[in-house]
Amino acid sequence: CPVYADNGALSHYELRREETGELV
């Protein structure tokens, strides 16, 4: 999951479990 800063720029990525959305 890409995460964007307030200005719309890419900040970083998150890995999440598909089934639960839990942040890994």
PDB file of all heavy atoms in Angstrom:
ATOM      1  N   CYS A   1       0.848  -1.194   0.000  1.00  0.00           N
ATOM      2  CA  CYS A   1       0.000   0.000   0.000  1.00  0.00           C
ATOM      3  C   CYS A   1       0.884   1.244   0.000  1.00  0.00           C
ATOM      4  O   CYS A   1       1.653   1.452   0.943  1.00  0.00           O
ATOM      5  CB  CYS A   1      -0.885   0.028   1.240  1.00  0.00           C
ATOM      6  SG  CYS A   1      -1.952  -1.407   1.412  1.00  0.00           S
ATOM      7  N   PRO A   2       0.786   2.082  -1.039  1.00  0.00           N
ATOM      8  CA  PRO A   2       1.549   3.321  -1.026  1.00  0.00           C
ATOM      9  C   PRO A   2       0.932   4.294  -0.019  1.00  0.00           C
ATOM     10  O   PRO A   2      -0.283   4.330   0.162  1.00  0.00           O
ATOM     11  CB  PRO A   2       1.419   3.838  -2.459  1.00  0.00           C
ATOM     12  CG  PRO A   2       0.216   3.178  -3.018  1.00  0.00           C
ATOM     13  CD  PRO A   2       0.022   1.904  -2.269  1.00  0.00           C
ATOM     14  N   VAL A   3       1.786   5.077   0.629  1.00  0.00           N
ATOM     15  CA  VAL A   3       1.341   6.087   1.592  1.00  0.00           C
ATOM     16  C   VAL A   3       1.848   7.432   1.084  1.00  0.00           C
ATOM     17  O   VAL A   3       3.022   7.568   0.746  1.00  0.00           O
ATOM     18  CB  VAL A   3       1.897   5.800   3.005  1.00  0.00           C
ATOM     19  CG1 VAL A   3       1.468   6.879   3.979  1.00  0.00           C
ATOM     20  CG2 VAL A   3       1.424   4.422   3.478  1.00  0.00           C
ATOM     21  N   TYR A   4       0.951   8.386   1.048  1.00  0.00           N
ATOM     22  CA  TYR A   4       1.294   9.694   0.500  1.00  0.00           C
ATOM     23  C   TYR A   4       1.336  10.754   1.594  1.00  0.00           C
ATOM     24  O   TYR A   4       0.561  10.706   2.552  1.00  0.00           O
ATOM     25  CB  TYR A   4       0.279  10.091  -0.570  1.00  0.00           C
ATOM     26  CG  TYR A   4       0.294   9.139  -1.743  1.00  0.00           C
ATOM     27  CD1 TYR A   4      -0.566   8.051  -1.794  1.00  0.00           C
ATOM     28  CD2 TYR A   4       1.207   9.305  -2.769  1.00  0.00           C
ATOM     29  CE1 TYR A   4      -0.532   7.164  -2.861  1.00  0.00           C
ATOM     30  CE2 TYR A   4       1.255   8.432  -3.848  1.00  0.00           C
ATOM     31  CZ  TYR A   4       0.373   7.357  -3.875  1.00  0.00           C
ATOM     32  OH  TYR A   4       0.430   6.474  -4.926  1.00  0.00           O
ATOM     33  N   ALA A   5       2.223  11.713   1.423  1.00  0.00           N
ATOM     34  CA  ALA A   5       2.347  12.847   2.348  1.00  0.00           C
ATOM     35  C   ALA A   5       1.202  13.821   2.085  1.00  0.00           C
ATOM     36  O   ALA A   5       0.460  13.690   1.104  1.00  0.00           O
ATOM     37  CB  ALA A   5       3.692  13.531   2.141  1.00  0.00           C
ATOM     38  N   ASP A   6       1.071  14.798   2.950  1.00  0.00           N
ATOM     39  CA  ASP A   6       0.011  15.799   2.811  1.00  0.00           C
ATOM     40  C   ASP A   6       0.078  16.537   1.478  1.00  0.00           C
ATOM     41  O   ASP A   6      -0.944  16.957   0.939  1.00  0.00           O
ATOM     42  CB  ASP A   6       0.080  16.813   3.956  1.00  0.00           C
ATOM     43  CG  ASP A   6      -0.293  16.188   5.294  1.00  0.00           C
ATOM     44  OD1 ASP A   6      -0.983  15.142   5.295  1.00  0.00           O
ATOM     45  OD2 ASP A   6       0.100  16.747   6.342  1.00  0.00           O
ATOM     46  N   ASN A   7       1.287  16.686   0.934  1.00  0.00           N
ATOM     47  CA  ASN A   7       1.437  17.392  -0.340  1.00  0.00           C
ATOM     48  C   ASN A   7       1.194  16.495  -1.547  1.00  0.00           C
ATOM     49  O   ASN A   7       1.363  16.908  -2.684  1.00  0.00           O
ATOM     50  CB  ASN A   7       2.816  18.045  -0.432  1.00  0.00           C
ATOM     51  CG  ASN A   7       3.948  17.035  -0.479  1.00  0.00           C
ATOM     52  OD1 ASN A   7       3.720  15.828  -0.451  1.00  0.00           O
ATOM     53  ND2 ASN A   7       5.171  17.527  -0.538  1.00  0.00           N
ATOM     54  N   GLY A   8       0.831  15.237  -1.307  1.00  0.00           N
ATOM     55  CA  GLY A   8       0.524  14.311  -2.387  1.00  0.00           C
ATOM     56  C   GLY A   8       1.703  13.496  -2.883  1.00  0.00           C
ATOM     57  O   GLY A   8       1.540  12.628  -3.739  1.00  0.00           O
ATOM     58  N   ALA A   9       2.886  13.766  -2.362  1.00  0.00           N
ATOM     59  CA  ALA A   9       4.073  13.018  -2.780  1.00  0.00           C
ATOM     60  C   ALA A   9       4.112  11.662  -2.073  1.00  0.00           C
ATOM     61  O   ALA A   9       3.675  11.529  -0.926  1.00  0.00           O
ATOM     62  CB  ALA A   9       5.342  13.800  -2.458  1.00  0.00           C
ATOM     63  N   LEU A  10       4.649  10.682  -2.760  1.00  0.00           N
ATOM     64  CA  LEU A  10       4.812   9.361  -2.165  1.00  0.00           C
ATOM     65  C   LEU A  10       5.718   9.473  -0.946  1.00  0.00           C
ATOM     66  O   LEU A  10       6.808  10.021  -1.017  1.00  0.00           O
ATOM     67  CB  LEU A  10       5.417   8.396  -3.183  1.00  0.00           C
ATOM     68  CG  LEU A  10       5.700   6.978  -2.687  1.00  0.00           C
ATOM     69  CD1 LEU A  10       4.401   6.249  -2.347  1.00  0.00           C
ATOM     70  CD2 LEU A  10       6.472   6.202  -3.734  1.00  0.00           C
ATOM     71  N   SER A  11       5.260   8.965   0.170  1.00  0.00           N
ATOM     72  CA  SER A  11       6.046   9.008   1.404  1.00  0.00           C
ATOM     73  C   SER A  11       6.797   7.697   1.617  1.00  0.00           C
ATOM     74  O   SER A  11       8.004   7.684   1.788  1.00  0.00           O
ATOM     75  CB  SER A  11       5.121   9.283   2.593  1.00  0.00           C
ATOM     76  OG  SER A  11       5.806   9.152   3.808  1.00  0.00           O
ATOM     77  N   HIS A  12       6.049   6.587   1.625  1.00  0.00           N
ATOM     78  CA  HIS A  12       6.635   5.267   1.833  1.00  0.00           C
ATOM     79  C   HIS A  12       5.580   4.226   1.467  1.00  0.00           C
ATOM     80  O   HIS A  12       4.510   4.574   1.004  1.00  0.00           O
ATOM     81  CB  HIS A  12       7.115   5.095   3.282  1.00  0.00           C
ATOM     82  CG  HIS A  12       6.019   5.201   4.294  1.00  0.00           C
ATOM     83  ND1 HIS A  12       5.507   6.403   4.726  1.00  0.00           N
ATOM     84  CD2 HIS A  12       5.322   4.253   4.966  1.00  0.00           C
ATOM     85  CE1 HIS A  12       4.551   6.202   5.620  1.00  0.00           C
ATOM     86  NE2 HIS A  12       4.416   4.895   5.774  1.00  0.00           N
ATOM     87  N   TYR A  13       5.916   2.963   1.702  1.00  0.00           N
ATOM     88  CA  TYR A  13       4.983   1.868   1.454  1.00  0.00           C
ATOM     89  C   TYR A  13       4.692   1.148   2.757  1.00  0.00           C
ATOM     90  O   TYR A  13       5.531   1.097   3.655  1.00  0.00           O
ATOM     91  CB  TYR A  13       5.570   0.867   0.453  1.00  0.00           C
ATOM     92  CG  TYR A  13       5.767   1.435  -0.925  1.00  0.00           C
ATOM     93  CD1 TYR A  13       7.002   1.927  -1.321  1.00  0.00           C
ATOM     94  CD2 TYR A  13       4.715   1.475  -1.828  1.00  0.00           C
ATOM     95  CE1 TYR A  13       7.190   2.446  -2.595  1.00  0.00           C
ATOM     96  CE2 TYR A  13       4.892   1.993  -3.101  1.00  0.00           C
ATOM     97  CZ  TYR A  13       6.132   2.477  -3.472  1.00  0.00           C
ATOM     98  OH  TYR A  13       6.301   2.991  -4.723  1.00  0.00           O
ATOM     99  N   GLU A  14       3.499   0.586   2.815  1.00  0.00           N
ATOM    100  CA  GLU A  14       3.144  -0.280   3.938  1.00  0.00           C
ATOM    101  C   GLU A  14       2.883  -1.681   3.404  1.00  0.00           C
ATOM    102  O   GLU A  14       2.307  -1.843   2.325  1.00  0.00           O
ATOM    103  CB  GLU A  14       1.884   0.227   4.630  1.00  0.00           C
ATOM    104  CG  GLU A  14       2.056   1.556   5.317  1.00  0.00           C
ATOM    105  CD  GLU A  14       0.772   2.065   5.948  1.00  0.00           C
ATOM    106  OE1 GLU A  14      -0.333   1.588   5.591  1.00  0.00           O
ATOM    107  OE2 GLU A  14       0.885   2.940   6.809  1.00  0.00           O
ATOM    108  N   LEU A  15       3.320  -2.671   4.156  1.00  0.00           N
ATOM    109  CA  LEU A  15       2.946  -4.054   3.897  1.00  0.00           C
ATOM    110  C   LEU A  15       1.806  -4.378   4.843  1.00  0.00           C
ATOM    111  O   LEU A  15       1.923  -4.165   6.051  1.00  0.00           O
ATOM    112  CB  LEU A  15       4.107  -5.002   4.182  1.00  0.00           C
ATOM    113  CG  LEU A  15       5.198  -5.105   3.146  1.00  0.00           C
ATOM    114  CD1 LEU A  15       6.290  -6.053   3.636  1.00  0.00           C
ATOM    115  CD2 LEU A  15       4.656  -5.603   1.833  1.00  0.00           C
ATOM    116  N   ARG A  16       0.717  -4.863   4.292  1.00  0.00           N
ATOM    117  CA  ARG A  16      -0.449  -5.207   5.103  1.00  0.00           C
ATOM    118  C   ARG A  16      -0.931  -6.608   4.744  1.00  0.00           C
ATOM    119  O   ARG A  16      -0.789  -7.054   3.613  1.00  0.00           O
ATOM    120  CB  ARG A  16      -1.579  -4.203   4.876  1.00  0.00           C
ATOM    121  CG  ARG A  16      -1.242  -2.819   5.402  1.00  0.00           C
ATOM    122  CD  ARG A  16      -2.427  -1.874   5.298  1.00  0.00           C
ATOM    123  NE  ARG A  16      -2.143  -0.623   5.951  1.00  0.00           N
ATOM    124  CZ  ARG A  16      -2.369  -0.378   7.234  1.00  0.00           C
ATOM    125  NH1 ARG A  16      -2.912  -1.311   8.000  1.00  0.00           N
ATOM    126  NH2 ARG A  16      -2.080   0.799   7.762  1.00  0.00           N
ATOM    127  N   ARG A  17      -1.507  -7.277   5.731  1.00  0.00           N
ATOM    128  CA  ARG A  17      -2.107  -8.586   5.462  1.00  0.00           C
ATOM    129  C   ARG A  17      -3.355  -8.376   4.625  1.00  0.00           C
ATOM    130  O   ARG A  17      -4.170  -7.506   4.927  1.00  0.00           O
ATOM    131  CB  ARG A  17      -2.457  -9.286   6.769  1.00  0.00           C
ATOM    132  CG  ARG A  17      -1.200  -9.630   7.561  1.00  0.00           C
ATOM    133  CD  ARG A  17      -1.449 -10.548   8.694  1.00  0.00           C
ATOM    134  NE  ARG A  17      -1.903 -11.840   8.161  1.00  0.00           N
ATOM    135  CZ  ARG A  17      -2.428 -12.782   8.915  1.00  0.00           C
ATOM    136  NH1 ARG A  17      -2.566 -12.600  10.204  1.00  0.00           N
ATOM    137  NH2 ARG A  17      -2.814 -13.916   8.386  1.00  0.00           N
ATOM    138  N   GLU A  18      -3.487  -9.160   3.557  1.00  0.00           N
ATOM    139  CA  GLU A  18      -4.644  -9.007   2.671  1.00  0.00           C
ATOM    140  C   GLU A  18      -5.957  -9.303   3.381  1.00  0.00           C
ATOM    141  O   GLU A  18      -6.948  -8.620   3.156  1.00  0.00           O
ATOM    142  CB  GLU A  18      -4.504  -9.903   1.436  1.00  0.00           C
ATOM    143  CG  GLU A  18      -3.560  -9.367   0.410  1.00  0.00           C
ATOM    144  CD  GLU A  18      -3.527 -10.187  -0.864  1.00  0.00           C
ATOM    145  OE1 GLU A  18      -4.385 -11.083  -1.055  1.00  0.00           O
ATOM    146  OE2 GLU A  18      -2.626  -9.929  -1.683  1.00  0.00           O
ATOM    147  N   GLU A  19      -5.970 -10.307   4.232  1.00  0.00           N
ATOM    148  CA  GLU A  19      -7.215 -10.731   4.873  1.00  0.00           C
ATOM    149  C   GLU A  19      -7.730  -9.745   5.907  1.00  0.00           C
ATOM    150  O   GLU A  19      -8.935  -9.543   6.030  1.00  0.00           O
ATOM    151  CB  GLU A  19      -7.030 -12.104   5.523  1.00  0.00           C
ATOM    152  CG  GLU A  19      -6.818 -13.219   4.522  1.00  0.00           C
ATOM    153  CD  GLU A  19      -6.553 -14.550   5.210  1.00  0.00           C
ATOM    154  OE1 GLU A  19      -6.569 -14.627   6.447  1.00  0.00           O
ATOM    155  OE2 GLU A  19      -6.322 -15.527   4.478  1.00  0.00           O
ATOM    156  N   THR A  20      -6.814  -9.132   6.655  1.00  0.00           N
ATOM    157  CA  THR A  20      -7.241  -8.298   7.781  1.00  0.00           C
ATOM    158  C   THR A  20      -6.884  -6.824   7.633  1.00  0.00           C
ATOM    159  O   THR A  20      -7.416  -5.996   8.377  1.00  0.00           O
ATOM    160  CB  THR A  20      -6.581  -8.801   9.080  1.00  0.00           C
ATOM    161  OG1 THR A  20      -5.161  -8.638   8.966  1.00  0.00           O
ATOM    162  CG2 THR A  20      -6.927 -10.251   9.357  1.00  0.00           C
ATOM    163  N   GLY A  21      -5.981  -6.495   6.729  1.00  0.00           N
ATOM    164  CA  GLY A  21      -5.509  -5.118   6.610  1.00  0.00           C
ATOM    165  C   GLY A  21      -4.498  -4.740   7.675  1.00  0.00           C
ATOM    166  O   GLY A  21      -4.036  -3.600   7.732  1.00  0.00           O
ATOM    167  N   GLU A  22      -4.141  -5.706   8.540  1.00  0.00           N
ATOM    168  CA  GLU A  22      -3.187  -5.462   9.625  1.00  0.00           C
ATOM    169  C   GLU A  22      -1.847  -4.993   9.066  1.00  0.00           C
ATOM    170  O   GLU A  22      -1.312  -5.572   8.121  1.00  0.00           O
ATOM    171  CB  GLU A  22      -3.000  -6.757  10.411  1.00  0.00           C
ATOM    172  CG  GLU A  22      -1.898  -6.725  11.432  1.00  0.00           C
ATOM    173  CD  GLU A  22      -1.598  -8.107  12.006  1.00  0.00           C
ATOM    174  OE1 GLU A  22      -2.218  -9.104  11.582  1.00  0.00           O
ATOM    175  OE2 GLU A  22      -0.719  -8.170  12.869  1.00  0.00           O
ATOM    176  N   LEU A  23      -1.309  -3.933   9.658  1.00  0.00           N
ATOM    177  CA  LEU A  23      -0.014  -3.414   9.257  1.00  0.00           C
ATOM    178  C   LEU A  23       1.081  -4.374   9.690  1.00  0.00           C
ATOM    179  O   LEU A  23       1.164  -4.755  10.850  1.00  0.00           O
ATOM    180  CB  LEU A  23       0.229  -2.031   9.877  1.00  0.00           C
ATOM    181  CG  LEU A  23       1.565  -1.373   9.563  1.00  0.00           C
ATOM    182  CD1 LEU A  23       1.679  -1.056   8.077  1.00  0.00           C
ATOM    183  CD2 LEU A  23       1.739  -0.108  10.391  1.00  0.00           C
ATOM    184  N   VAL A  24       1.926  -4.757   8.747  1.00  0.00           N
ATOM    185  CA  VAL A  24       3.034  -5.666   9.020  1.00  0.00           C
ATOM    186  C   VAL A  24       4.339  -4.885   9.106  1.00  0.00           C
ATOM    187  O   VAL A  24       5.152  -5.107   9.984  1.00  0.00           O
ATOM    188  CB  VAL A  24       3.132  -6.765   7.936  1.00  0.00           C
ATOM    189  CG1 VAL A  24       4.357  -7.632   8.141  1.00  0.00           C
ATOM    190  CG2 VAL A  24       1.867  -7.594   7.923  1.00  0.00           C
TER     191      VAL A  24
END
